Amino acid sequence: MMKLETLTGTGLWYVLCILSLLLVTGALATIPRSLQTIHGNKTRFFAALNAMLSISVLIVLMDCAMYFDNGPGKSDYKTVDLFLFRQPWLLYAGVEALSAILLIIMEVLHLKRRKHFLTEDAIRQTLNFLPEGIAVSDETGLVRLSNLKMDALCRSLTGELLTDTDRFWSFLEEKQESRYGRIILRTPDEHTWIFESELLMAHNLKYRNLKSFARTYRQITARDVTERYRIIEELKEKNVRLQDIQRRMKTVSDLSGDMFVEEEQQRARATLHNQLGQVLLMGRHYLTHSEKTDANLVYMVTRQMNRFLLGESEGIREKAPAAMDSLSEAIAMAGSIGVTVHLSGNVPEEAYIRGLLAHAVTECAANTVKHAEGDCVNVDIAESDEGVLITLTNNGKPPKGRIAESGGLLSLRHKMEDMGGIMHVESDPVFVLTLVMSNGIVPEGSDDLG
């Protein structure tokens, strides 16, 4: 079998040398990665073994070439070297094959470890996908970890790469004063960012109970708050305008001696507007669904409103059919505009609570038709230690935004507050009207609430 010394200088020898160089390069590249891997003792063993085998083969190949270039007998080589040169070349080819197999095994182990363990590359790739910027440095300010967003922000603000977090934070403080470890800064692309700095303590896993083995790191984060900042600025401008309006209203209030009279007039106008809207909705529903509407009720309510508008009414209210009280009348009127009212729970017998509930049902039914395009109002009545809890919802479309209280809702709120009750309106995600009336409180004039 051909020995290695007789193979020197041939094409096969050059093939062995090239393969050996490639294997040495691959072995040296896997050593740092194996050292950084947590609990990777098997990987470190294969990396060390692979490096030893590949480097040994390369050294033998180079020494053999130098020995025969200088000529046998002119080189100072030991007997061991000469013994290695006289070994079959297939032995070295087999060692190279073993080194290649070890390299493949290490890559397979690395891929498996990446699927089951968090690696440094996986952490870096995850951070680079974040829309926020983040950078971590040691006690000296040297950057140990930084994602693409933070690097881009640093270049945009300073024109330099992020290498020192202390210098970068000092630059930020020169541009804007730091408050509670936060800096709000606008970048050249007209985006507003909040930069935050905090200290982190990292403990050695073996000595995590000893403070002397803990290391301090500095973390700087950056969040894009352009939209939030714009909204805050708009709110500030609106607050300035509101303050100006409040000052004017206070001036008018101080000069007006009839403030309470005017307020009562506004409530009366709102109530009239709400009742007129109810009559119009009832008439529209009767024209389109006459078979489902009580014609006598429509006639009675329309006649009463017409007499009032024409000045013929003297405050005597016509009674609903079948001696209805205010709540029953409100439910009947809701049905006349195509809205079904479902009551759950025990309806209180107190006239003032039934009157408030009638007002709420009337307003919710009208809003369900006009704004939510629904046909059902659900009323849930419960008793608690605080008093009677009434919740009203509908099956219509959810509100597009915050509900502005005006007209009937505003009138209902005034009545609730006058009687010591609480009213709460929610619009997200659905419309919910909540009324809370305390036990044992019977306000004056409660008989007129219906």
Protein backbone atom coordinates (compact mmCIF):
# COMPACT_ATOMS: atom_id res chain seq x y z
CA MET A 1 0.00 0.00 0.00
CA MET A 2 1.31 3.46 -0.94
CA LYS A 3 2.90 5.31 1.96
CA LEU A 4 2.45 8.99 2.69
CA GLU A 5 6.11 9.81 1.86
CA THR A 6 5.78 8.39 -1.64
CA LEU A 7 2.53 10.38 -2.16
CA THR A 8 4.15 13.77 -1.52
CA GLY A 9 3.87 16.17 -4.45
CA THR A 10 1.20 14.20 -6.28
CA GLY A 11 -2.34 15.31 -7.00
CA LEU A 12 -3.76 13.02 -4.31
CA TRP A 13 -1.45 14.61 -1.75
CA TYR A 14 -2.79 18.08 -2.64
CA VAL A 15 -6.35 16.78 -2.25
CA LEU A 16 -5.50 15.55 1.25
CA CYS A 17 -3.95 18.94 2.12
CA ILE A 18 -6.97 20.91 0.88
CA LEU A 19 -9.41 18.70 2.77
CA SER A 20 -7.25 19.01 5.88
CA LEU A 21 -7.28 22.83 5.65
CA LEU A 22 -11.06 22.87 5.29
CA LEU A 23 -11.51 20.56 8.26
CA VAL A 24 -9.19 22.69 10.42
CA THR A 25 -11.16 25.80 9.50
CA GLY A 26 -14.46 24.12 10.37
CA ALA A 27 -13.08 22.76 13.65
CA LEU A 28 -11.75 26.15 14.76
CA ALA A 29 -15.08 27.79 13.90
CA THR A 30 -17.05 25.38 16.11
CA ILE A 31 -14.89 25.89 19.23
CA PRO A 32 -16.17 29.41 20.17
CA ARG A 33 -19.76 28.36 19.56
CA SER A 34 -19.37 25.28 21.77
CA LEU A 35 -17.84 27.36 24.58
CA GLN A 36 -20.80 29.77 24.53
CA THR A 37 -23.35 26.96 24.71
CA ILE A 38 -24.83 26.38 28.17
CA HIS A 39 -24.77 22.74 29.32
CA GLY A 40 -22.97 21.73 26.09
CA ASN A 41 -20.28 19.37 27.47
CA LYS A 42 -20.85 16.86 24.68
CA THR A 43 -20.48 19.57 22.07
CA ARG A 44 -17.24 20.82 23.66
CA PHE A 45 -15.78 17.32 23.72
CA PHE A 46 -16.48 16.73 20.03
CA ALA A 47 -15.14 20.18 19.15
CA ALA A 48 -11.86 19.58 21.00
CA LEU A 49 -11.44 16.08 19.53
CA ASN A 50 -12.19 17.32 16.02
CA ALA A 51 -9.71 20.19 16.34
CA MET A 52 -6.95 17.86 17.58
CA LEU A 53 -7.46 15.34 14.77
CA SER A 54 -7.68 17.86 11.94
CA ILE A 55 -4.71 19.95 13.14
CA SER A 56 -2.58 16.82 13.70
CA VAL A 57 -3.20 15.58 10.16
CA LEU A 58 -2.37 19.01 8.72
CA ILE A 59 0.89 19.23 10.68
CA VAL A 60 1.97 15.73 9.53
CA LEU A 61 1.18 16.64 5.88
CA MET A 62 3.15 19.90 6.06
CA ASP A 63 6.13 18.32 7.84
CA CYS A 64 6.21 15.50 5.31
CA ALA A 65 6.33 18.00 2.43
CA MET A 66 9.13 20.02 4.07
CA TYR A 67 11.09 16.83 4.77
CA PHE A 68 11.17 15.79 1.15
CA ASP A 69 11.67 19.36 -0.16
CA ASN A 70 14.88 19.64 1.90
CA GLY A 71 15.89 16.14 0.96
CA PRO A 72 16.06 13.06 3.14
CA GLY A 73 18.82 13.27 5.69
CA LYS A 74 19.12 17.10 5.52
CA SER A 75 16.27 17.77 7.88
CA ASP A 76 16.33 17.37 11.62
CA TYR A 77 13.32 15.09 12.17
CA LYS A 78 12.82 12.63 14.94
CA THR A 79 12.20 8.97 14.55
CA VAL A 80 8.53 9.46 15.41
CA ASP A 81 8.15 11.89 12.52
CA LEU A 82 9.76 9.47 10.12
CA PHE A 83 7.47 6.74 11.42
CA LEU A 84 4.42 8.88 10.66
CA PHE A 85 5.67 9.71 7.17
CA ARG A 86 5.96 6.00 6.33
CA GLN A 87 2.35 5.19 7.31
CA PRO A 88 -0.22 4.39 4.55
CA TRP A 89 -1.93 7.47 3.15
CA LEU A 90 -5.29 5.78 3.64
CA LEU A 91 -4.74 6.10 7.41
CA TYR A 92 -4.68 9.90 7.11
CA ALA A 93 -7.57 9.85 4.69
CA GLY A 94 -9.51 7.86 7.31
CA VAL A 95 -8.61 10.38 10.02
CA GLU A 96 -9.87 13.18 7.79
CA ALA A 97 -13.09 11.25 7.19
CA LEU A 98 -13.48 10.80 10.96
CA SER A 99 -12.92 14.54 11.43
CA ALA A 100 -15.58 15.29 8.82
CA ILE A 101 -18.01 12.93 10.59
CA LEU A 102 -17.33 14.68 13.92
CA LEU A 103 -17.96 18.05 12.25
CA ILE A 104 -21.30 16.81 10.90
CA ILE A 105 -22.25 15.44 14.34
CA MET A 106 -21.51 18.82 15.93
CA GLU A 107 -23.69 20.63 13.39
CA VAL A 108 -26.55 18.20 14.05
CA LEU A 109 -26.19 18.73 17.81
CA HIS A 110 -26.15 22.48 17.29
CA LEU A 111 -29.34 22.37 15.22
CA LYS A 112 -31.09 20.22 17.82
CA ARG A 113 -29.98 22.53 20.60
CA ARG A 114 -31.33 25.56 18.74
CA LYS A 115 -34.77 23.92 18.61
CA HIS A 116 -34.89 23.14 22.34
CA PHE A 117 -32.66 25.79 23.97
CA LEU A 118 -32.39 29.56 23.73
CA THR A 119 -29.15 30.43 21.98
CA GLU A 120 -27.35 33.75 21.64
CA ASP A 121 -28.14 33.89 17.91
CA ALA A 122 -31.83 33.26 18.58
CA ILE A 123 -31.89 36.07 21.16
CA ARG A 124 -30.17 38.47 18.79
CA GLN A 125 -32.50 37.62 15.90
CA THR A 126 -35.55 38.07 18.13
CA LEU A 127 -34.33 41.46 19.34
CA ASN A 128 -33.68 42.60 15.78
CA PHE A 129 -37.33 41.99 14.89
CA LEU A 130 -38.57 44.20 17.75
CA PRO A 131 -40.04 47.61 16.80
CA GLU A 132 -38.43 49.06 19.95
CA GLY A 133 -34.76 49.74 20.43
CA ILE A 134 -32.73 47.99 23.14
CA ALA A 135 -29.06 48.04 24.14
CA VAL A 136 -27.24 46.39 27.06
CA SER A 137 -23.74 47.34 28.26
CA ASP A 138 -21.41 46.39 31.10
CA GLU A 139 -20.11 48.60 33.93
CA THR A 140 -17.69 50.40 31.61
CA GLY A 141 -20.41 51.32 29.11
CA LEU A 142 -19.18 48.86 26.48
CA VAL A 143 -22.12 47.59 24.44
CA ARG A 144 -22.66 43.86 24.86
CA LEU A 145 -25.98 43.59 23.03
CA SER A 146 -27.80 45.98 20.71
CA ASN A 147 -30.57 45.41 18.17
CA LEU A 148 -30.93 46.98 14.72
CA LYS A 149 -33.48 49.59 15.82
CA MET A 150 -31.23 51.01 18.55
CA ASP A 151 -28.25 51.07 16.17
CA ALA A 152 -30.34 52.97 13.61
CA LEU A 153 -31.50 55.48 16.25
CA CYS A 154 -27.95 56.07 17.41
CA ARG A 155 -26.74 56.70 13.86
CA SER A 156 -29.71 58.97 13.20
CA LEU A 157 -29.05 61.11 16.29
CA THR A 158 -25.26 61.07 16.64
CA GLY A 159 -24.03 59.95 13.21
CA GLU A 160 -21.98 57.19 14.87
CA LEU A 161 -22.32 53.52 15.69
CA LEU A 162 -23.48 52.60 19.18
CA THR A 163 -20.38 51.41 21.05
CA ASP A 164 -20.63 53.21 24.39
CA THR A 165 -23.98 53.54 26.17
CA ASP A 166 -22.64 56.07 28.71
CA ARG A 167 -21.61 58.44 25.94
CA PHE A 168 -24.88 57.88 24.09
CA TRP A 169 -26.96 58.62 27.22
CA SER A 170 -24.89 61.76 27.91
CA PHE A 171 -25.68 62.91 24.38
CA LEU A 172 -29.38 62.36 25.00
CA GLU A 173 -29.25 64.31 28.27
CA GLU A 174 -27.64 67.24 26.46
CA LYS A 175 -30.57 67.34 24.05
CA GLN A 176 -33.31 66.91 26.67
CA GLU A 177 -33.39 66.85 30.46
CA SER A 178 -33.79 63.41 32.00
CA ARG A 179 -36.83 62.91 34.25
CA TYR A 180 -37.10 59.73 36.31
CA GLY A 181 -34.68 58.00 33.95
CA ARG A 182 -36.72 58.97 30.87
CA ILE A 183 -35.93 61.24 27.95
CA ILE A 184 -38.44 62.26 25.28
CA LEU A 185 -36.68 63.16 22.04
CA ARG A 186 -37.73 63.82 18.45
CA THR A 187 -35.61 62.22 15.72
CA PRO A 188 -34.81 63.89 12.37
CA ASP A 189 -37.58 61.84 10.69
CA GLU A 190 -40.16 63.64 12.90
CA HIS A 191 -40.78 60.62 15.15
CA THR A 192 -40.98 60.97 18.93
CA TRP A 193 -39.17 58.40 21.07
CA ILE A 194 -39.00 57.76 24.82
CA PHE A 195 -35.55 56.60 25.96
CA GLU A 196 -35.31 54.85 29.33
CA SER A 197 -32.23 53.74 31.27
CA GLU A 198 -32.11 51.21 34.09
CA LEU A 199 -29.54 49.06 35.88
CA LEU A 200 -29.72 45.27 35.80
CA MET A 201 -28.09 42.80 38.20
CA ALA A 202 -26.88 39.51 36.70
CA HIS A 203 -25.90 36.73 39.12
CA ASN A 204 -23.68 33.76 38.44
CA LEU A 205 -25.82 30.62 38.49
CA LYS A 206 -23.38 28.88 40.82
CA TYR A 207 -23.06 31.83 43.23
CA ARG A 208 -26.38 33.61 42.79
CA ASN A 209 -26.72 34.14 46.58
CA LEU A 210 -23.44 36.05 46.81
CA LYS A 211 -23.51 39.72 45.84
CA SER A 212 -19.78 39.73 45.13
CA PHE A 213 -20.38 37.48 42.11
CA ALA A 214 -23.13 39.71 40.68
CA ARG A 215 -22.42 41.96 37.70
CA THR A 216 -24.17 45.21 36.91
CA TYR A 217 -25.40 45.95 33.41
CA ARG A 218 -27.06 49.02 31.96
CA GLN A 219 -30.08 48.67 29.72
CA ILE A 220 -31.31 51.46 27.45
CA THR A 221 -34.66 51.03 25.70
CA ALA A 222 -36.42 53.23 23.14
CA ARG A 223 -40.17 53.23 22.34
CA ASP A 224 -41.88 55.04 19.49
CA VAL A 225 -44.61 57.25 21.03
CA THR A 226 -45.23 59.50 18.04
CA GLU A 227 -48.97 58.88 17.90
CA ARG A 228 -49.41 59.05 21.66
CA TYR A 229 -47.39 62.26 21.86
CA ARG A 230 -49.49 63.80 19.08
CA ILE A 231 -52.67 62.96 20.96
CA ILE A 232 -51.24 64.44 24.17
CA GLU A 233 -50.37 67.65 22.36
CA GLU A 234 -53.87 67.85 20.92
CA LEU A 235 -55.35 67.28 24.38
CA LYS A 236 -53.18 70.06 25.77
CA GLU A 237 -54.47 72.44 23.11
CA LYS A 238 -58.05 71.37 23.80
CA ASN A 239 -57.51 71.80 27.54
CA VAL A 240 -56.32 75.35 26.92
CA ARG A 241 -59.47 76.06 24.92
CA LEU A 242 -61.63 74.38 27.56
CA GLN A 243 -60.05 76.48 30.28
CA ASP A 244 -60.83 79.59 28.27
CA ILE A 245 -64.43 78.42 27.86
CA GLN A 246 -64.65 77.67 31.57
CA ARG A 247 -63.46 81.18 32.39
CA ARG A 248 -66.09 82.64 30.10
CA MET A 249 -68.79 80.41 31.56
CA LYS A 250 -67.78 81.44 35.06
CA THR A 251 -68.03 85.09 34.08
CA VAL A 252 -71.47 84.53 32.60
CA SER A 253 -72.49 82.51 35.66
CA ASP A 254 -71.39 85.27 38.00
CA LEU A 255 -73.30 87.90 36.06
CA SER A 256 -76.47 85.87 35.65
CA GLY A 257 -78.88 85.97 38.55
CA ASP A 258 -81.24 83.57 36.83
CA MET A 259 -78.80 80.71 36.40
CA PHE A 260 -81.04 78.08 38.00
CA VAL A 261 -84.07 79.24 36.05
CA GLU A 262 -82.17 78.96 32.80
CA GLU A 263 -80.97 75.49 33.70
CA GLU A 264 -84.53 74.34 34.32
CA GLN A 265 -85.57 75.83 31.00
CA GLN A 266 -82.80 73.91 29.23
CA ARG A 267 -83.94 70.69 30.88
CA ALA A 268 -87.50 71.36 29.80
CA ARG A 269 -86.42 72.02 26.22
CA ALA A 270 -84.34 68.82 26.22
CA THR A 271 -87.29 66.83 27.55
CA LEU A 272 -89.62 68.31 24.94
CA HIS A 273 -87.11 67.54 22.20
CA ASN A 274 -86.81 63.96 23.40
CA GLN A 275 -90.59 63.44 23.60
CA LEU A 276 -91.08 64.94 20.15
CA GLY A 277 -88.47 62.54 18.79
CA GLN A 278 -90.34 59.64 20.39
CA VAL A 279 -93.59 60.71 18.72
CA LEU A 280 -91.90 61.02 15.32
CA LEU A 281 -90.27 57.58 15.65
CA MET A 282 -93.62 56.10 16.70
CA GLY A 283 -95.35 57.62 13.68
CA ARG A 284 -92.66 56.36 11.30
CA HIS A 285 -92.87 52.84 12.70
CA TYR A 286 -96.70 52.91 12.47
CA LEU A 287 -96.53 53.88 8.78
CA THR A 288 -94.21 50.96 7.97
CA HIS A 289 -95.47 48.36 10.46
CA SER A 290 -99.09 49.24 11.15
CA GLU A 291 -100.03 45.64 11.90
CA LYS A 292 -97.55 45.50 14.82
CA THR A 293 -98.41 48.89 16.36
CA ASP A 294 -101.17 49.92 18.75
CA ALA A 295 -103.06 52.51 16.73
CA ASN A 296 -104.90 53.88 19.78
CA LEU A 297 -101.62 54.53 21.59
CA VAL A 298 -100.14 56.26 18.55
CA TYR A 299 -103.26 58.41 18.20
CA MET A 300 -103.31 59.33 21.88
CA VAL A 301 -99.62 60.31 22.08
CA THR A 302 -99.68 62.21 18.77
CA ARG A 303 -102.84 64.10 19.78
CA GLN A 304 -101.36 65.01 23.13
CA MET A 305 -98.13 66.34 21.54
CA ASN A 306 -100.05 68.32 18.91
CA ARG A 307 -102.26 69.95 21.55
CA PHE A 308 -99.18 70.86 23.56
CA LEU A 309 -97.37 72.37 20.55
CA LEU A 310 -100.51 74.30 19.55
CA GLY A 311 -100.85 75.70 23.05
CA GLU A 312 -104.14 73.94 23.76
CA SER A 313 -102.80 71.80 26.59
CA GLU A 314 -103.02 73.17 30.09
CA GLY A 315 -100.70 70.62 31.61
CA ILE A 316 -103.37 67.90 31.95
CA ARG A 317 -101.77 64.73 30.67
CA GLU A 318 -103.93 62.13 29.03
CA LYS A 319 -103.79 58.72 30.62
CA ALA A 320 -102.57 55.72 28.70
CA PRO A 321 -105.01 52.91 27.94
CA ALA A 322 -105.77 50.34 30.64
CA ALA A 323 -104.57 52.63 33.43
CA MET A 324 -100.88 52.17 32.57
CA ASP A 325 -98.24 53.51 34.94
CA SER A 326 -95.14 55.31 33.65
CA LEU A 327 -93.06 52.11 33.18
CA SER A 328 -95.79 50.19 31.38
CA GLU A 329 -96.43 53.20 29.18
CA ALA A 330 -92.72 53.47 28.35
CA ILE A 331 -92.60 49.78 27.37
CA ALA A 332 -95.72 50.21 25.23
CA MET A 333 -94.28 53.27 23.52
CA ALA A 334 -91.05 51.38 22.86
CA GLY A 335 -93.07 48.65 21.19
CA SER A 336 -94.85 51.28 19.09
CA ILE A 337 -91.51 52.23 17.50
CA GLY A 338 -90.51 48.60 16.93
CA VAL A 339 -88.41 47.97 20.05
CA THR A 340 -89.09 45.04 22.37
CA VAL A 341 -88.20 45.53 26.04
CA HIS A 342 -87.11 42.46 28.03
CA LEU A 343 -87.22 42.86 31.84
CA SER A 344 -85.29 40.49 34.09
CA GLY A 345 -85.32 40.65 37.86
CA ASN A 346 -87.82 42.07 40.34
CA VAL A 347 -89.17 45.43 39.25
CA PRO A 348 -89.27 47.78 42.29
CA GLU A 349 -92.64 49.01 43.45
CA GLU A 350 -91.38 52.48 44.38
CA ALA A 351 -92.91 55.04 42.06
CA TYR A 352 -89.77 57.17 41.80
CA ILE A 353 -87.62 54.17 40.72
CA ARG A 354 -90.23 53.03 38.19
CA GLY A 355 -90.34 56.60 36.88
CA LEU A 356 -86.55 56.67 36.42
CA LEU A 357 -86.65 53.26 34.77
CA ALA A 358 -89.43 54.47 32.44
CA HIS A 359 -87.31 57.46 31.46
CA ALA A 360 -84.27 55.20 30.82
CA VAL A 361 -86.33 52.71 28.75
CA THR A 362 -87.78 55.52 26.65
CA GLU A 363 -84.36 57.02 25.94
CA CYS A 364 -82.65 53.68 25.22
CA ALA A 365 -85.47 52.58 22.88
CA ALA A 366 -85.21 55.79 20.87
CA ASN A 367 -81.41 55.58 20.65
CA THR A 368 -81.61 51.90 19.67
CA VAL A 369 -83.70 52.81 16.62
CA LYS A 370 -81.95 56.05 15.69
CA HIS A 371 -78.29 55.16 16.26
CA ALA A 372 -77.86 51.41 16.82
CA GLU A 373 -80.38 50.11 14.25
CA GLY A 374 -81.59 47.53 16.78
CA ASP A 375 -85.00 46.29 17.88
CA CYS A 376 -84.50 45.03 21.45
CA VAL A 377 -83.63 46.61 24.82
CA ASN A 378 -82.60 44.34 27.70
CA VAL A 379 -83.20 45.57 31.27
CA ASP A 380 -81.52 43.69 34.14
CA ILE A 381 -82.66 44.63 37.66
CA ALA A 382 -80.74 43.44 40.71
CA GLU A 383 -80.55 44.34 44.37
CA SER A 384 -77.33 44.79 46.31
CA ASP A 385 -76.15 46.26 49.59
CA GLU A 386 -75.82 49.64 47.89
CA GLY A 387 -79.37 49.62 46.54
CA VAL A 388 -81.11 48.83 43.26
CA LEU A 389 -78.81 48.19 40.29
CA ILE A 390 -80.38 48.61 36.83
CA THR A 391 -78.44 47.73 33.65
CA LEU A 392 -79.76 48.50 30.14
CA THR A 393 -78.25 47.18 26.88
CA ASN A 394 -79.46 46.71 23.31
CA ASN A 395 -78.88 44.34 20.39
CA GLY A 396 -77.87 47.04 17.94
CA LYS A 397 -74.54 48.09 16.50
CA PRO A 398 -71.87 49.18 19.01
CA PRO A 399 -71.20 52.93 19.22
CA LYS A 400 -68.51 54.29 16.89
CA GLY A 401 -67.05 56.41 19.64
CA ARG A 402 -67.63 57.92 23.01
CA ILE A 403 -71.30 58.78 23.61
CA ALA A 404 -71.98 62.47 24.15
CA GLU A 405 -74.65 62.90 26.79
CA SER A 406 -77.29 65.32 25.57
CA GLY A 407 -81.05 65.53 25.43
CA GLY A 408 -82.69 62.57 27.14
CA LEU A 409 -79.49 61.06 28.58
CA LEU A 410 -78.47 64.39 30.09
CA SER A 411 -81.96 64.90 31.53
CA LEU A 412 -81.85 61.39 33.01
CA ARG A 413 -78.47 62.09 34.62
CA HIS A 414 -79.81 65.27 36.21
CA LYS A 415 -82.75 63.37 37.66
CA MET A 416 -80.48 60.63 39.01
CA GLU A 417 -78.13 63.11 40.66
CA ASP A 418 -81.00 65.11 42.11
CA MET A 419 -82.22 61.94 43.81
CA GLY A 420 -78.81 60.86 45.07
CA GLY A 421 -78.42 58.10 42.47
CA ILE A 422 -75.51 57.23 40.19
CA MET A 423 -75.57 56.93 36.40
CA HIS A 424 -72.78 55.45 34.27
CA VAL A 425 -72.64 55.23 30.46
CA GLU A 426 -70.25 52.86 28.63
CA SER A 427 -69.65 52.78 24.90
CA ASP A 428 -66.79 50.29 24.50
CA PRO A 429 -67.18 47.56 23.39
CA VAL A 430 -70.98 47.87 23.53
CA PHE A 431 -73.48 50.37 24.87
CA VAL A 432 -74.29 49.85 28.58
CA LEU A 433 -76.36 52.21 30.73
CA THR A 434 -76.09 51.56 34.48
CA LEU A 435 -78.32 53.16 37.14
CA VAL A 436 -77.72 52.77 40.89
CA MET A 437 -80.37 54.01 43.34
CA SER A 438 -79.59 53.81 47.06
CA ASN A 439 -82.01 52.08 49.42
CA GLY A 440 -84.16 54.13 51.76
CA ILE A 441 -83.97 57.39 49.78
CA VAL A 442 -87.34 58.70 48.64
CA PRO A 443 -86.82 62.15 47.10
CA GLU A 444 -89.38 64.88 47.20
CA GLY A 445 -91.62 65.10 44.16
CA SER A 446 -91.05 61.46 43.31
CA ASP A 447 -94.62 61.07 42.18
CA ASP A 448 -93.92 63.33 39.21
CA LEU A 449 -91.09 61.24 37.75
CA GLY A 450 -93.33 59.24 35.48
